[in-house]
Amino acid sequence: KASSFSAVGRDIDFLAPGENVCAPFVGGPQALYPGSGTSYSTPAVAGLICLVLQYLKYLSPTLYHRACKVAVMMEILLKMATRQGDHSKEHGYGCLEPKKFFEIKPDEIEHFIQSI
């Protein structure tokens, strides 16, 4: 569910955690603070992209370089979306479910990246 402060419109791609997210806070290694906002959701998606890129290290250099392109990464993220092919101005393509991507067999991922 989108937060009340979430932006809306056709430029919204995905929903990401951004409300009451526990994050490190000043006060020591055990200090956490429940914060809200895009400052929390953006790093969640960036972290997921990093996991995908690390997972794809087995690809040939040419395919790996292709996967790093914004348009290709967007297609990879769409593979994880809960609303694939169904964009709405409130929810974009929905939430990202990484498990959907990581369950795809490596040879199918290679074929998918080549097809984009």
C-alpha atoms as a PDB file:
ATOM      1  CA  LYS A   1       0.000   0.000   0.000  1.00  0.00           C
ATOM      2  CA  ALA A   2       1.304   3.435  -0.904  1.00  0.00           C
ATOM      3  CA  SER A   3       1.946   5.879   1.934  1.00  0.00           C
ATOM      4  CA  SER A   4      -0.116   9.036   2.202  1.00  0.00           C
ATOM      5  CA  PHE A   5       2.977  11.086   1.290  1.00  0.00           C
ATOM      6  CA  SER A   6       3.798   8.993  -1.800  1.00  0.00           C
ATOM      7  CA  ALA A   7       3.973  10.687  -5.156  1.00  0.00           C
ATOM      8  CA  VAL A   8       1.462   9.629  -7.794  1.00  0.00           C
ATOM      9  CA  GLY A   9       1.475   9.767 -11.569  1.00  0.00           C
ATOM     10  CA  ARG A  10       2.637   7.898 -14.613  1.00  0.00           C
ATOM     11  CA  ASP A  11       6.295   8.353 -13.614  1.00  0.00           C
ATOM     12  CA  ILE A  12       5.888   6.065 -10.578  1.00  0.00           C
ATOM     13  CA  ASP A  13       7.568   2.734 -11.352  1.00  0.00           C
ATOM     14  CA  PHE A  14       7.391   0.659  -8.159  1.00  0.00           C
ATOM     15  CA  LEU A  15       6.362   0.737  -4.537  1.00  0.00           C
ATOM     16  CA  ALA A  16       9.214   0.297  -2.076  1.00  0.00           C
ATOM     17  CA  PRO A  17       9.406   0.317   1.717  1.00  0.00           C
ATOM     18  CA  GLY A  18       9.396   3.927   2.864  1.00  0.00           C
ATOM     19  CA  GLU A  19       7.259   4.185   5.972  1.00  0.00           C
ATOM     20  CA  ASN A  20       8.380   3.286   9.495  1.00  0.00           C
ATOM     21  CA  VAL A  21      11.619   1.774   8.192  1.00  0.00           C
ATOM     22  CA  CYS A  22      14.087   0.935  10.962  1.00  0.00           C
ATOM     23  CA  ALA A  23      17.428   2.456  10.101  1.00  0.00           C
ATOM     24  CA  PRO A  24      20.703   3.040  11.947  1.00  0.00           C
ATOM     25  CA  PHE A  25      20.712   6.160  14.075  1.00  0.00           C
ATOM     26  CA  VAL A  26      23.247   8.175  16.072  1.00  0.00           C
ATOM     27  CA  GLY A  27      23.834   6.565  19.450  1.00  0.00           C
ATOM     28  CA  GLY A  28      25.782   3.415  18.827  1.00  0.00           C
ATOM     29  CA  PRO A  29      25.658   0.243  16.761  1.00  0.00           C
ATOM     30  CA  GLN A  30      22.374  -0.896  18.329  1.00  0.00           C
ATOM     31  CA  ALA A  31      20.569   2.445  17.831  1.00  0.00           C
ATOM     32  CA  LEU A  32      17.694   2.295  15.363  1.00  0.00           C
ATOM     33  CA  TYR A  33      15.188   4.918  14.309  1.00  0.00           C
ATOM     34  CA  PRO A  34      11.873   4.287  12.516  1.00  0.00           C
ATOM     35  CA  GLY A  35      11.901   6.857   9.695  1.00  0.00           C
ATOM     36  CA  SER A  36       9.719   7.480   6.671  1.00  0.00           C
ATOM     37  CA  GLY A  37      10.159   8.977   3.219  1.00  0.00           C
ATOM     38  CA  THR A  38      11.783   8.412  -0.145  1.00  0.00           C
ATOM     39  CA  SER A  39      15.143   8.647   1.598  1.00  0.00           C
ATOM     40  CA  TYR A  40      14.351   5.139   2.848  1.00  0.00           C
ATOM     41  CA  SER A  41      12.697   3.631  -0.232  1.00  0.00           C
ATOM     42  CA  THR A  42      15.328   4.666  -2.771  1.00  0.00           C
ATOM     43  CA  PRO A  43      18.195   2.832  -1.002  1.00  0.00           C
ATOM     44  CA  ALA A  44      16.014  -0.297  -0.789  1.00  0.00           C
ATOM     45  CA  VAL A  45      15.660  -0.405  -4.577  1.00  0.00           C
ATOM     46  CA  ALA A  46      19.329   0.518  -5.103  1.00  0.00           C
ATOM     47  CA  GLY A  47      20.324  -2.329  -2.787  1.00  0.00           C
ATOM     48  CA  LEU A  48      18.151  -4.748  -4.738  1.00  0.00           C
ATOM     49  CA  ILE A  49      19.833  -3.657  -7.974  1.00  0.00           C
ATOM     50  CA  CYS A  50      23.226  -4.315  -6.344  1.00  0.00           C
ATOM     51  CA  LEU A  51      22.098  -7.826  -5.375  1.00  0.00           C
ATOM     52  CA  VAL A  52      20.948  -8.477  -8.943  1.00  0.00           C
ATOM     53  CA  LEU A  53      24.256  -7.276 -10.377  1.00  0.00           C
ATOM     54  CA  GLN A  54      26.218  -9.427  -7.940  1.00  0.00           C
ATOM     55  CA  TYR A  55      24.044 -12.418  -8.847  1.00  0.00           C
ATOM     56  CA  LEU A  56      24.697 -11.834 -12.564  1.00  0.00           C
ATOM     57  CA  LYS A  57      28.504 -11.943 -12.186  1.00  0.00           C
ATOM     58  CA  TYR A  58      28.490 -15.384 -13.839  1.00  0.00           C
ATOM     59  CA  LEU A  59      27.449 -13.837 -17.172  1.00  0.00           C
ATOM     60  CA  SER A  60      29.902 -13.146 -19.950  1.00  0.00           C
ATOM     61  CA  PRO A  61      31.368  -9.627 -19.803  1.00  0.00           C
ATOM     62  CA  THR A  62      29.233  -8.620 -22.802  1.00  0.00           C
ATOM     63  CA  LEU A  63      25.966  -9.799 -21.220  1.00  0.00           C
ATOM     64  CA  TYR A  64      26.900  -8.357 -17.840  1.00  0.00           C
ATOM     65  CA  HIS A  65      27.583  -4.976 -19.422  1.00  0.00           C
ATOM     66  CA  ARG A  66      24.198  -5.191 -21.157  1.00  0.00           C
ATOM     67  CA  ALA A  67      22.470  -5.956 -17.827  1.00  0.00           C
ATOM     68  CA  CYS A  68      23.990  -2.769 -16.393  1.00  0.00           C
ATOM     69  CA  LYS A  69      22.128  -0.584 -18.877  1.00  0.00           C
ATOM     70  CA  VAL A  70      19.194   1.303 -17.367  1.00  0.00           C
ATOM     71  CA  ALA A  71      16.609   0.000 -19.851  1.00  0.00           C
ATOM     72  CA  VAL A  72      17.697  -3.608 -19.300  1.00  0.00           C
ATOM     73  CA  MET A  73      17.738  -3.239 -15.501  1.00  0.00           C
ATOM     74  CA  MET A  74      14.234  -1.762 -15.691  1.00  0.00           C
ATOM     75  CA  GLU A  75      13.078  -4.906 -17.518  1.00  0.00           C
ATOM     76  CA  ILE A  76      14.773  -7.065 -14.883  1.00  0.00           C
ATOM     77  CA  LEU A  77      12.972  -5.134 -12.126  1.00  0.00           C
ATOM     78  CA  LEU A  78       9.676  -5.516 -14.013  1.00  0.00           C
ATOM     79  CA  LYS A  79      10.193  -9.302 -13.816  1.00  0.00           C
ATOM     80  CA  MET A  80       9.943  -8.891 -10.020  1.00  0.00           C
ATOM     81  CA  ALA A  81       6.905  -6.596 -10.008  1.00  0.00           C
ATOM     82  CA  THR A  82       3.591  -7.681  -8.532  1.00  0.00           C
ATOM     83  CA  ARG A  83       1.633  -5.879 -11.278  1.00  0.00           C
ATOM     84  CA  GLN A  84       3.553  -6.887 -14.399  1.00  0.00           C
ATOM     85  CA  GLY A  85       2.086  -5.123 -17.419  1.00  0.00           C
ATOM     86  CA  ASP A  86      -0.505  -3.349 -15.282  1.00  0.00           C
ATOM     87  CA  HIS A  87       0.746   0.156 -14.471  1.00  0.00           C
ATOM     88  CA  SER A  88      -1.306   2.457 -12.272  1.00  0.00           C
ATOM     89  CA  LYS A  89      -0.600   6.057 -11.297  1.00  0.00           C
ATOM     90  CA  GLU A  90      -0.893   5.155  -7.584  1.00  0.00           C
ATOM     91  CA  HIS A  91       1.153   1.951  -7.490  1.00  0.00           C
ATOM     92  CA  GLY A  92       3.261   1.915 -10.647  1.00  0.00           C
ATOM     93  CA  TYR A  93       3.929  -1.749 -11.407  1.00  0.00           C
ATOM     94  CA  GLY A  94       3.472  -2.649  -7.757  1.00  0.00           C
ATOM     95  CA  CYS A  95       5.913  -3.951  -5.182  1.00  0.00           C
ATOM     96  CA  LEU A  96       9.156  -5.682  -6.043  1.00  0.00           C
ATOM     97  CA  GLU A  97       9.389  -9.345  -5.090  1.00  0.00           C
ATOM     98  CA  PRO A  98      13.053 -10.325  -5.553  1.00  0.00           C
ATOM     99  CA  LYS A  99      12.264 -14.015  -5.135  1.00  0.00           C
ATOM    100  CA  LYS A 100      10.560 -13.962  -8.550  1.00  0.00           C
ATOM    101  CA  PHE A 101      13.838 -13.067 -10.251  1.00  0.00           C
ATOM    102  CA  PHE A 102      16.159 -15.246  -8.203  1.00  0.00           C
ATOM    103  CA  GLU A 103      14.015 -18.311  -8.939  1.00  0.00           C
ATOM    104  CA  ILE A 104      14.623 -17.975 -12.694  1.00  0.00           C
ATOM    105  CA  LYS A 105      17.195 -20.467 -14.002  1.00  0.00           C
ATOM    106  CA  PRO A 106      20.517 -18.931 -15.097  1.00  0.00           C
ATOM    107  CA  ASP A 107      20.147 -19.976 -18.749  1.00  0.00           C
ATOM    108  CA  GLU A 108      16.672 -18.369 -18.853  1.00  0.00           C
ATOM    109  CA  ILE A 109      18.122 -15.154 -17.396  1.00  0.00           C
ATOM    110  CA  GLU A 110      20.799 -15.113 -20.098  1.00  0.00           C
ATOM    111  CA  HIS A 111      18.168 -15.582 -22.802  1.00  0.00           C
ATOM    112  CA  PHE A 112      15.977 -12.885 -21.242  1.00  0.00           C
ATOM    113  CA  ILE A 113      18.824 -10.336 -21.129  1.00  0.00           C
ATOM    114  CA  GLN A 114      19.792 -11.161 -24.732  1.00  0.00           C
ATOM    115  CA  SER A 115      16.183 -10.592 -25.832  1.00  0.00           C
ATOM    116  CA  ILE A 116      15.985  -7.034 -24.488  1.00  0.00           C
END
